[in-house]
Amino acid sequence: PGFLATPFLHTQAVNPDDLDDDYDQDRLVTGSM
């Protein structure tokens, strides 16, 4: 609930080095479809 209304947080590319080993992929793309 609220996924699309939750702001997308990025302004520049997200790369593997930016992520924790257990990152939540869905949380990275809120506010987008």
PDB file of all heavy atoms in Angstrom:
ATOM      1  N   PRO A   1       0.825  -1.215   0.000  1.00  0.00           N
ATOM      2  CA  PRO A   1       0.000   0.000   0.000  1.00  0.00           C
ATOM      3  C   PRO A   1       0.862   1.269   0.000  1.00  0.00           C
ATOM      4  O   PRO A   1       1.791   1.395   0.792  1.00  0.00           O
ATOM      5  CB  PRO A   1      -0.813  -0.117   1.288  1.00  0.00           C
ATOM      6  CG  PRO A   1      -0.856  -1.589   1.557  1.00  0.00           C
ATOM      7  CD  PRO A   1       0.487  -2.117   1.097  1.00  0.00           C
ATOM      8  N   GLY A   2       0.560   2.175  -0.920  1.00  0.00           N
ATOM      9  CA  GLY A   2       1.293   3.423  -0.998  1.00  0.00           C
ATOM     10  C   GLY A   2       2.597   3.361  -1.767  1.00  0.00           C
ATOM     11  O   GLY A   2       3.336   4.348  -1.817  1.00  0.00           O
ATOM     12  N   PHE A   3       2.896   2.240  -2.397  1.00  0.00           N
ATOM     13  CA  PHE A   3       4.163   2.067  -3.123  1.00  0.00           C
ATOM     14  C   PHE A   3       4.384   3.175  -4.148  1.00  0.00           C
ATOM     15  O   PHE A   3       5.439   3.798  -4.212  1.00  0.00           O
ATOM     16  CB  PHE A   3       4.187   0.705  -3.823  1.00  0.00           C
ATOM     17  CG  PHE A   3       5.425   0.438  -4.629  1.00  0.00           C
ATOM     18  CD1 PHE A   3       6.547  -0.113  -4.026  1.00  0.00           C
ATOM     19  CD2 PHE A   3       5.481   0.734  -5.988  1.00  0.00           C
ATOM     20  CE1 PHE A   3       7.695  -0.359  -4.757  1.00  0.00           C
ATOM     21  CE2 PHE A   3       6.630   0.492  -6.726  1.00  0.00           C
ATOM     22  CZ  PHE A   3       7.733  -0.055  -6.104  1.00  0.00           C
ATOM     23  N   LEU A   4       3.375   3.426  -4.974  1.00  0.00           N
ATOM     24  CA  LEU A   4       3.521   4.410  -6.044  1.00  0.00           C
ATOM     25  C   LEU A   4       3.594   5.834  -5.492  1.00  0.00           C
ATOM     26  O   LEU A   4       4.277   6.689  -6.055  1.00  0.00           O
ATOM     27  CB  LEU A   4       2.362   4.276  -7.033  1.00  0.00           C
ATOM     28  CG  LEU A   4       2.593   4.810  -8.437  1.00  0.00           C
ATOM     29  CD1 LEU A   4       3.825   4.173  -9.069  1.00  0.00           C
ATOM     30  CD2 LEU A   4       1.369   4.554  -9.306  1.00  0.00           C
ATOM     31  N   ALA A   5       2.919   6.094  -4.393  1.00  0.00           N
ATOM     32  CA  ALA A   5       2.913   7.431  -3.797  1.00  0.00           C
ATOM     33  C   ALA A   5       4.157   7.702  -2.946  1.00  0.00           C
ATOM     34  O   ALA A   5       4.425   8.843  -2.582  1.00  0.00           O
ATOM     35  CB  ALA A   5       1.660   7.615  -2.944  1.00  0.00           C
ATOM     36  N   THR A   6       4.936   6.658  -2.644  1.00  0.00           N
ATOM     37  CA  THR A   6       6.170   6.822  -1.863  1.00  0.00           C
ATOM     38  C   THR A   6       7.260   7.359  -2.783  1.00  0.00           C
ATOM     39  O   THR A   6       7.530   6.769  -3.823  1.00  0.00           O
ATOM     40  CB  THR A   6       6.614   5.466  -1.264  1.00  0.00           C
ATOM     41  OG1 THR A   6       5.561   4.950  -0.447  1.00  0.00           O
ATOM     42  CG2 THR A   6       7.885   5.617  -0.447  1.00  0.00           C
ATOM     43  N   PRO A   7       7.894   8.471  -2.459  1.00  0.00           N
ATOM     44  CA  PRO A   7       8.868   9.091  -3.370  1.00  0.00           C
ATOM     45  C   PRO A   7      10.008   8.165  -3.788  1.00  0.00           C
ATOM     46  O   PRO A   7      10.551   7.408  -2.979  1.00  0.00           O
ATOM     47  CB  PRO A   7       9.401  10.275  -2.564  1.00  0.00           C
ATOM     48  CG  PRO A   7       8.318  10.597  -1.608  1.00  0.00           C
ATOM     49  CD  PRO A   7       7.700   9.267  -1.246  1.00  0.00           C
ATOM     50  N   PHE A   8      10.348   8.268  -5.057  1.00  0.00           N
ATOM     51  CA  PHE A   8      11.532   7.625  -5.627  1.00  0.00           C
ATOM     52  C   PHE A   8      12.726   8.414  -5.096  1.00  0.00           C
ATOM     53  O   PHE A   8      12.759   9.646  -5.174  1.00  0.00           O
ATOM     54  CB  PHE A   8      11.447   7.718  -7.154  1.00  0.00           C
ATOM     55  CG  PHE A   8      12.523   6.986  -7.895  1.00  0.00           C
ATOM     56  CD1 PHE A   8      12.423   5.625  -8.107  1.00  0.00           C
ATOM     57  CD2 PHE A   8      13.609   7.667  -8.424  1.00  0.00           C
ATOM     58  CE1 PHE A   8      13.393   4.938  -8.828  1.00  0.00           C
ATOM     59  CE2 PHE A   8      14.594   6.996  -9.146  1.00  0.00           C
ATOM     60  CZ  PHE A   8      14.482   5.622  -9.348  1.00  0.00           C
ATOM     61  N   LEU A   9      13.708   7.736  -4.527  1.00  0.00           N
ATOM     62  CA  LEU A   9      14.762   8.418  -3.777  1.00  0.00           C
ATOM     63  C   LEU A   9      16.022   8.765  -4.546  1.00  0.00           C
ATOM     64  O   LEU A   9      16.875   9.488  -4.040  1.00  0.00           O
ATOM     65  CB  LEU A   9      15.153   7.561  -2.573  1.00  0.00           C
ATOM     66  CG  LEU A   9      14.023   7.275  -1.580  1.00  0.00           C
ATOM     67  CD1 LEU A   9      14.501   6.338  -0.479  1.00  0.00           C
ATOM     68  CD2 LEU A   9      13.490   8.574  -1.002  1.00  0.00           C
ATOM     69  N   HIS A  10      16.157   8.263  -5.765  1.00  0.00           N
ATOM     70  CA  HIS A  10      17.442   8.396  -6.461  1.00  0.00           C
ATOM     71  C   HIS A  10      17.471   9.577  -7.427  1.00  0.00           C
ATOM     72  O   HIS A  10      16.465   9.942  -8.015  1.00  0.00           O
ATOM     73  CB  HIS A  10      17.753   7.112  -7.221  1.00  0.00           C
ATOM     74  CG  HIS A  10      17.543   5.889  -6.401  1.00  0.00           C
ATOM     75  ND1 HIS A  10      18.349   5.547  -5.343  1.00  0.00           N
ATOM     76  CD2 HIS A  10      16.572   4.951  -6.446  1.00  0.00           C
ATOM     77  CE1 HIS A  10      17.897   4.442  -4.788  1.00  0.00           C
ATOM     78  NE2 HIS A  10      16.818   4.066  -5.432  1.00  0.00           N
ATOM     79  N   THR A  11      18.662  10.127  -7.597  1.00  0.00           N
ATOM     80  CA  THR A  11      18.889  11.166  -8.602  1.00  0.00           C
ATOM     81  C   THR A  11      20.074  10.799  -9.492  1.00  0.00           C
ATOM     82  O   THR A  11      20.322  11.443 -10.493  1.00  0.00           O
ATOM     83  CB  THR A  11      19.160  12.528  -7.949  1.00  0.00           C
ATOM     84  OG1 THR A  11      20.276  12.407  -7.061  1.00  0.00           O
ATOM     85  CG2 THR A  11      17.937  13.022  -7.185  1.00  0.00           C
ATOM     86  N   GLN A  12      20.797   9.759  -9.097  1.00  0.00           N
ATOM     87  CA  GLN A  12      21.908   9.263  -9.907  1.00  0.00           C
ATOM     88  C   GLN A  12      21.899   7.741  -9.891  1.00  0.00           C
ATOM     89  O   GLN A  12      21.202   7.128  -9.097  1.00  0.00           O
ATOM     90  CB  GLN A  12      23.240   9.807  -9.406  1.00  0.00           C
ATOM     91  CG  GLN A  12      23.546   9.495  -7.958  1.00  0.00           C
ATOM     92  CD  GLN A  12      24.792  10.227  -7.476  1.00  0.00           C
ATOM     93  OE1 GLN A  12      25.383  11.018  -8.187  1.00  0.00           O
ATOM     94  NE2 GLN A  12      25.188   9.955  -6.249  1.00  0.00           N
ATOM     95  N   ALA A  13      22.663   7.146 -10.777  1.00  0.00           N
ATOM     96  CA  ALA A  13      22.668   5.692 -10.948  1.00  0.00           C
ATOM     97  C   ALA A  13      22.938   4.957  -9.637  1.00  0.00           C
ATOM     98  O   ALA A  13      23.679   5.430  -8.785  1.00  0.00           O
ATOM     99  CB  ALA A  13      23.714   5.293 -11.986  1.00  0.00           C
ATOM    100  N   VAL A  14      22.306   3.800  -9.519  1.00  0.00           N
ATOM    101  CA  VAL A  14      22.542   2.892  -8.390  1.00  0.00           C
ATOM    102  C   VAL A  14      23.364   1.735  -8.947  1.00  0.00           C
ATOM    103  O   VAL A  14      22.974   1.095  -9.926  1.00  0.00           O
ATOM    104  CB  VAL A  14      21.208   2.369  -7.811  1.00  0.00           C
ATOM    105  CG1 VAL A  14      21.474   1.345  -6.727  1.00  0.00           C
ATOM    106  CG2 VAL A  14      20.370   3.521  -7.285  1.00  0.00           C
ATOM    107  N   ASN A  15      24.512   1.480  -8.329  1.00  0.00           N
ATOM    108  CA  ASN A  15      25.419   0.428  -8.778  1.00  0.00           C
ATOM    109  C   ASN A  15      25.592  -0.618  -7.686  1.00  0.00           C
ATOM    110  O   ASN A  15      25.301  -0.362  -6.522  1.00  0.00           O
ATOM    111  CB  ASN A  15      26.787   1.040  -9.123  1.00  0.00           C
ATOM    112  CG  ASN A  15      26.671   2.047 -10.245  1.00  0.00           C
ATOM    113  OD1 ASN A  15      26.258   1.701 -11.331  1.00  0.00           O
ATOM    114  ND2 ASN A  15      27.013   3.297  -9.962  1.00  0.00           N
ATOM    115  N   PRO A  16      26.086  -1.809  -8.049  1.00  0.00           N
ATOM    116  CA  PRO A  16      26.268  -2.878  -7.047  1.00  0.00           C
ATOM    117  C   PRO A  16      27.076  -2.442  -5.826  1.00  0.00           C
ATOM    118  O   PRO A  16      26.786  -2.855  -4.712  1.00  0.00           O
ATOM    119  CB  PRO A  16      27.003  -3.973  -7.820  1.00  0.00           C
ATOM    120  CG  PRO A  16      26.652  -3.746  -9.245  1.00  0.00           C
ATOM    121  CD  PRO A  16      26.474  -2.255  -9.392  1.00  0.00           C
ATOM    122  N   ASP A  17      28.072  -1.578  -6.028  1.00  0.00           N
ATOM    123  CA  ASP A  17      28.901  -1.126  -4.907  1.00  0.00           C
ATOM    124  C   ASP A  17      28.126  -0.269  -3.914  1.00  0.00           C
ATOM    125  O   ASP A  17      28.536  -0.110  -2.766  1.00  0.00           O
ATOM    126  CB  ASP A  17      30.100  -0.320  -5.422  1.00  0.00           C
ATOM    127  CG  ASP A  17      31.051  -1.169  -6.243  1.00  0.00           C
ATOM    128  OD1 ASP A  17      31.025  -2.408  -6.099  1.00  0.00           O
ATOM    129  OD2 ASP A  17      31.828  -0.591  -7.031  1.00  0.00           O
ATOM    130  N   ASP A  18      26.978   0.263  -4.363  1.00  0.00           N
ATOM    131  CA  ASP A  18      26.157   1.118  -3.500  1.00  0.00           C
ATOM    132  C   ASP A  18      25.236   0.308  -2.593  1.00  0.00           C
ATOM    133  O   ASP A  18      24.595   0.869  -1.707  1.00  0.00           O
ATOM    134  CB  ASP A  18      25.270   2.046  -4.344  1.00  0.00           C
ATOM    135  CG  ASP A  18      26.078   2.925  -5.276  1.00  0.00           C
ATOM    136  OD1 ASP A  18      27.225   3.270  -4.922  1.00  0.00           O
ATOM    137  OD2 ASP A  18      25.553   3.263  -6.353  1.00  0.00           O
ATOM    138  N   LEU A  19      25.137  -0.991  -2.829  1.00  0.00           N
ATOM    139  CA  LEU A  19      24.121  -1.806  -2.169  1.00  0.00           C
ATOM    140  C   LEU A  19      24.698  -2.741  -1.120  1.00  0.00           C
ATOM    141  O   LEU A  19      25.804  -3.262  -1.272  1.00  0.00           O
ATOM    142  CB  LEU A  19      23.381  -2.641  -3.224  1.00  0.00           C
ATOM    143  CG  LEU A  19      22.756  -1.850  -4.378  1.00  0.00           C
ATOM    144  CD1 LEU A  19      22.251  -2.792  -5.450  1.00  0.00           C
ATOM    145  CD2 LEU A  19      21.636  -0.974  -3.855  1.00  0.00           C
ATOM    146  N   ASP A  20      23.914  -2.975  -0.073  1.00  0.00           N
ATOM    147  CA  ASP A  20      24.266  -3.996   0.914  1.00  0.00           C
ATOM    148  C   ASP A  20      23.979  -5.359   0.303  1.00  0.00           C
ATOM    149  O   ASP A  20      23.203  -5.485  -0.643  1.00  0.00           O
ATOM    150  CB  ASP A  20      23.419  -3.835   2.181  1.00  0.00           C
ATOM    151  CG  ASP A  20      23.697  -2.523   2.887  1.00  0.00           C
ATOM    152  OD1 ASP A  20      24.831  -2.025   2.787  1.00  0.00           O
ATOM    153  OD2 ASP A  20      22.756  -1.994   3.519  1.00  0.00           O
ATOM    154  N   ASP A  21      24.558  -6.404   0.877  1.00  0.00           N
ATOM    155  CA  ASP A  21      24.322  -7.755   0.364  1.00  0.00           C
ATOM    156  C   ASP A  21      22.856  -8.162   0.455  1.00  0.00           C
ATOM    157  O   ASP A  21      22.374  -8.941  -0.351  1.00  0.00           O
ATOM    158  CB  ASP A  21      25.180  -8.779   1.126  1.00  0.00           C
ATOM    159  CG  ASP A  21      26.652  -8.653   0.774  1.00  0.00           C
ATOM    160  OD1 ASP A  21      26.962  -8.085  -0.300  1.00  0.00           O
ATOM    161  OD2 ASP A  21      27.481  -9.109   1.573  1.00  0.00           O
ATOM    162  N   ASP A  22      22.150  -7.641   1.437  1.00  0.00           N
ATOM    163  CA  ASP A  22      20.755  -8.029   1.629  1.00  0.00           C
ATOM    164  C   ASP A  22      19.784  -6.882   1.306  1.00  0.00           C
ATOM    165  O   ASP A  22      18.753  -6.731   1.934  1.00  0.00           O
ATOM    166  CB  ASP A  22      20.532  -8.522   3.055  1.00  0.00           C
ATOM    167  CG  ASP A  22      20.865  -7.463   4.097  1.00  0.00           C
ATOM    168  OD1 ASP A  22      21.513  -6.450   3.740  1.00  0.00           O
ATOM    169  OD2 ASP A  22      20.462  -7.642   5.252  1.00  0.00           O
ATOM    170  N   TYR A  23      20.102  -6.098   0.288  1.00  0.00           N
ATOM    171  CA  TYR A  23      19.245  -4.957  -0.043  1.00  0.00           C
ATOM    172  C   TYR A  23      17.867  -5.416  -0.500  1.00  0.00           C
ATOM    173  O   TYR A  23      17.704  -6.504  -1.025  1.00  0.00           O
ATOM    174  CB  TYR A  23      19.901  -4.063  -1.091  1.00  0.00           C
ATOM    175  CG  TYR A  23      19.829  -4.577  -2.517  1.00  0.00           C
ATOM    176  CD1 TYR A  23      18.792  -4.179  -3.352  1.00  0.00           C
ATOM    177  CD2 TYR A  23      20.799  -5.428  -3.032  1.00  0.00           C
ATOM    178  CE1 TYR A  23      18.714  -4.628  -4.663  1.00  0.00           C
ATOM    179  CE2 TYR A  23      20.728  -5.884  -4.329  1.00  0.00           C
ATOM    180  CZ  TYR A  23      19.688  -5.477  -5.148  1.00  0.00           C
ATOM    181  OH  TYR A  23      19.616  -5.937  -6.440  1.00  0.00           O
ATOM    182  N   ASP A  24      16.893  -4.562  -0.280  1.00  0.00           N
ATOM    183  CA  ASP A  24      15.513  -4.826  -0.687  1.00  0.00           C
ATOM    184  C   ASP A  24      15.293  -4.150  -2.036  1.00  0.00           C
ATOM    185  O   ASP A  24      15.161  -2.933  -2.122  1.00  0.00           O
ATOM    186  CB  ASP A  24      14.547  -4.274   0.367  1.00  0.00           C
ATOM    187  CG  ASP A  24      13.092  -4.528   0.032  1.00  0.00           C
ATOM    188  OD1 ASP A  24      12.790  -4.985  -1.086  1.00  0.00           O
ATOM    189  OD2 ASP A  24      12.239  -4.262   0.898  1.00  0.00           O
ATOM    190  N   GLN A  25      15.246  -4.951  -3.087  1.00  0.00           N
ATOM    191  CA  GLN A  25      15.111  -4.421  -4.440  1.00  0.00           C
ATOM    192  C   GLN A  25      13.860  -3.558  -4.597  1.00  0.00           C
ATOM    193  O   GLN A  25      13.898  -2.520  -5.243  1.00  0.00           O
ATOM    194  CB  GLN A  25      15.081  -5.582  -5.438  1.00  0.00           C
ATOM    195  CG  GLN A  25      14.992  -5.144  -6.881  1.00  0.00           C
ATOM    196  CD  GLN A  25      15.139  -6.311  -7.832  1.00  0.00           C
ATOM    197  OE1 GLN A  25      15.848  -7.265  -7.560  1.00  0.00           O
ATOM    198  NE2 GLN A  25      14.464  -6.233  -8.958  1.00  0.00           N
ATOM    199  N   ASP A  26      12.760  -3.975  -3.999  1.00  0.00           N
ATOM    200  CA  ASP A  26      11.515  -3.233  -4.136  1.00  0.00           C
ATOM    201  C   ASP A  26      11.606  -1.846  -3.505  1.00  0.00           C
ATOM    202  O   ASP A  26      11.052  -0.879  -4.025  1.00  0.00           O
ATOM    203  CB  ASP A  26      10.355  -4.015  -3.525  1.00  0.00           C
ATOM    204  CG  ASP A  26      10.138  -5.337  -4.242  1.00  0.00           C
ATOM    205  OD1 ASP A  26      10.242  -5.356  -5.484  1.00  0.00           O
ATOM    206  OD2 ASP A  26       9.885  -6.340  -3.565  1.00  0.00           O
ATOM    207  N   ARG A  27      12.314  -1.746  -2.401  1.00  0.00           N
ATOM    208  CA  ARG A  27      12.442  -0.457  -1.728  1.00  0.00           C
ATOM    209  C   ARG A  27      13.222   0.547  -2.592  1.00  0.00           C
ATOM    210  O   ARG A  27      13.040   1.754  -2.476  1.00  0.00           O
ATOM    211  CB  ARG A  27      13.144  -0.655  -0.378  1.00  0.00           C
ATOM    212  CG  ARG A  27      12.848   0.433   0.603  1.00  0.00           C
ATOM    213  CD  ARG A  27      13.311   0.090   2.007  1.00  0.00           C
ATOM    214  NE  ARG A  27      12.548  -0.932   2.697  1.00  0.00           N
ATOM    215  CZ  ARG A  27      11.329  -0.781   3.201  1.00  0.00           C
ATOM    216  NH1 ARG A  27      10.712   0.355   3.052  1.00  0.00           N
ATOM    217  NH2 ARG A  27      10.725  -1.751   3.845  1.00  0.00           N
ATOM    218  N   LEU A  28      14.055   0.045  -3.486  1.00  0.00           N
ATOM    219  CA  LEU A  28      14.840   0.917  -4.356  1.00  0.00           C
ATOM    220  C   LEU A  28      14.007   1.586  -5.438  1.00  0.00           C
ATOM    221  O   LEU A  28      14.439   2.565  -6.040  1.00  0.00           O
ATOM    222  CB  LEU A  28      15.963   0.122  -5.032  1.00  0.00           C
ATOM    223  CG  LEU A  28      17.083  -0.375  -4.140  1.00  0.00           C
ATOM    224  CD1 LEU A  28      18.049  -1.236  -4.943  1.00  0.00           C
ATOM    225  CD2 LEU A  28      17.821   0.791  -3.497  1.00  0.00           C
ATOM    226  N   VAL A  29      12.828   1.042  -5.728  1.00  0.00           N
ATOM    227  CA  VAL A  29      12.062   1.536  -6.876  1.00  0.00           C
ATOM    228  C   VAL A  29      10.693   2.093  -6.495  1.00  0.00           C
ATOM    229  O   VAL A  29       9.822   2.242  -7.344  1.00  0.00           O
ATOM    230  CB  VAL A  29      11.932   0.447  -7.968  1.00  0.00           C
ATOM    231  CG1 VAL A  29      13.299   0.141  -8.567  1.00  0.00           C
ATOM    232  CG2 VAL A  29      11.277  -0.820  -7.428  1.00  0.00           C
ATOM    233  N   THR A  30      10.479   2.412  -5.221  1.00  0.00           N
ATOM    234  CA  THR A  30       9.212   3.035  -4.841  1.00  0.00           C
ATOM    235  C   THR A  30       9.031   4.304  -5.657  1.00  0.00           C
ATOM    236  O   THR A  30      10.007   4.933  -6.086  1.00  0.00           O
ATOM    237  CB  THR A  30       9.177   3.388  -3.342  1.00  0.00           C
ATOM    238  OG1 THR A  30      10.270   4.261  -3.052  1.00  0.00           O
ATOM    239  CG2 THR A  30       9.222   2.153  -2.464  1.00  0.00           C
ATOM    240  N   GLY A  31       7.775   4.685  -5.876  1.00  0.00           N
ATOM    241  CA  GLY A  31       7.496   5.899  -6.633  1.00  0.00           C
ATOM    242  C   GLY A  31       7.680   5.763  -8.124  1.00  0.00           C
ATOM    243  O   GLY A  31       7.677   6.760  -8.847  1.00  0.00           O
ATOM    244  N   SER A  32       7.856   4.533  -8.599  1.00  0.00           N
ATOM    245  CA  SER A  32       8.020   4.302 -10.034  1.00  0.00           C
ATOM    246  C   SER A  32       7.191   3.105 -10.456  1.00  0.00           C
ATOM    247  O   SER A  32       6.792   2.288  -9.633  1.00  0.00           O
ATOM    248  CB  SER A  32       9.496   4.060 -10.377  1.00  0.00           C
ATOM    249  OG  SER A  32       9.926   2.789  -9.919  1.00  0.00           O
ATOM    250  N   MET A  33       6.932   3.011 -11.754  1.00  0.00           N
ATOM    251  CA  MET A  33       6.195   1.865 -12.287  1.00  0.00           C
ATOM    252  C   MET A  33       6.823   1.438 -13.611  1.00  0.00           C
ATOM    253  O   MET A  33       7.406   2.252 -14.334  1.00  0.00           O
ATOM    254  CB  MET A  33       4.726   2.203 -12.471  1.00  0.00           C
ATOM    255  CG  MET A  33       4.436   3.320 -13.409  1.00  0.00           C
ATOM    256  SD  MET A  33       2.666   3.716 -13.368  1.00  0.00           S
ATOM    257  CE  MET A  33       2.573   4.846 -14.749  1.00  0.00           C
TER     258      MET A  33
END
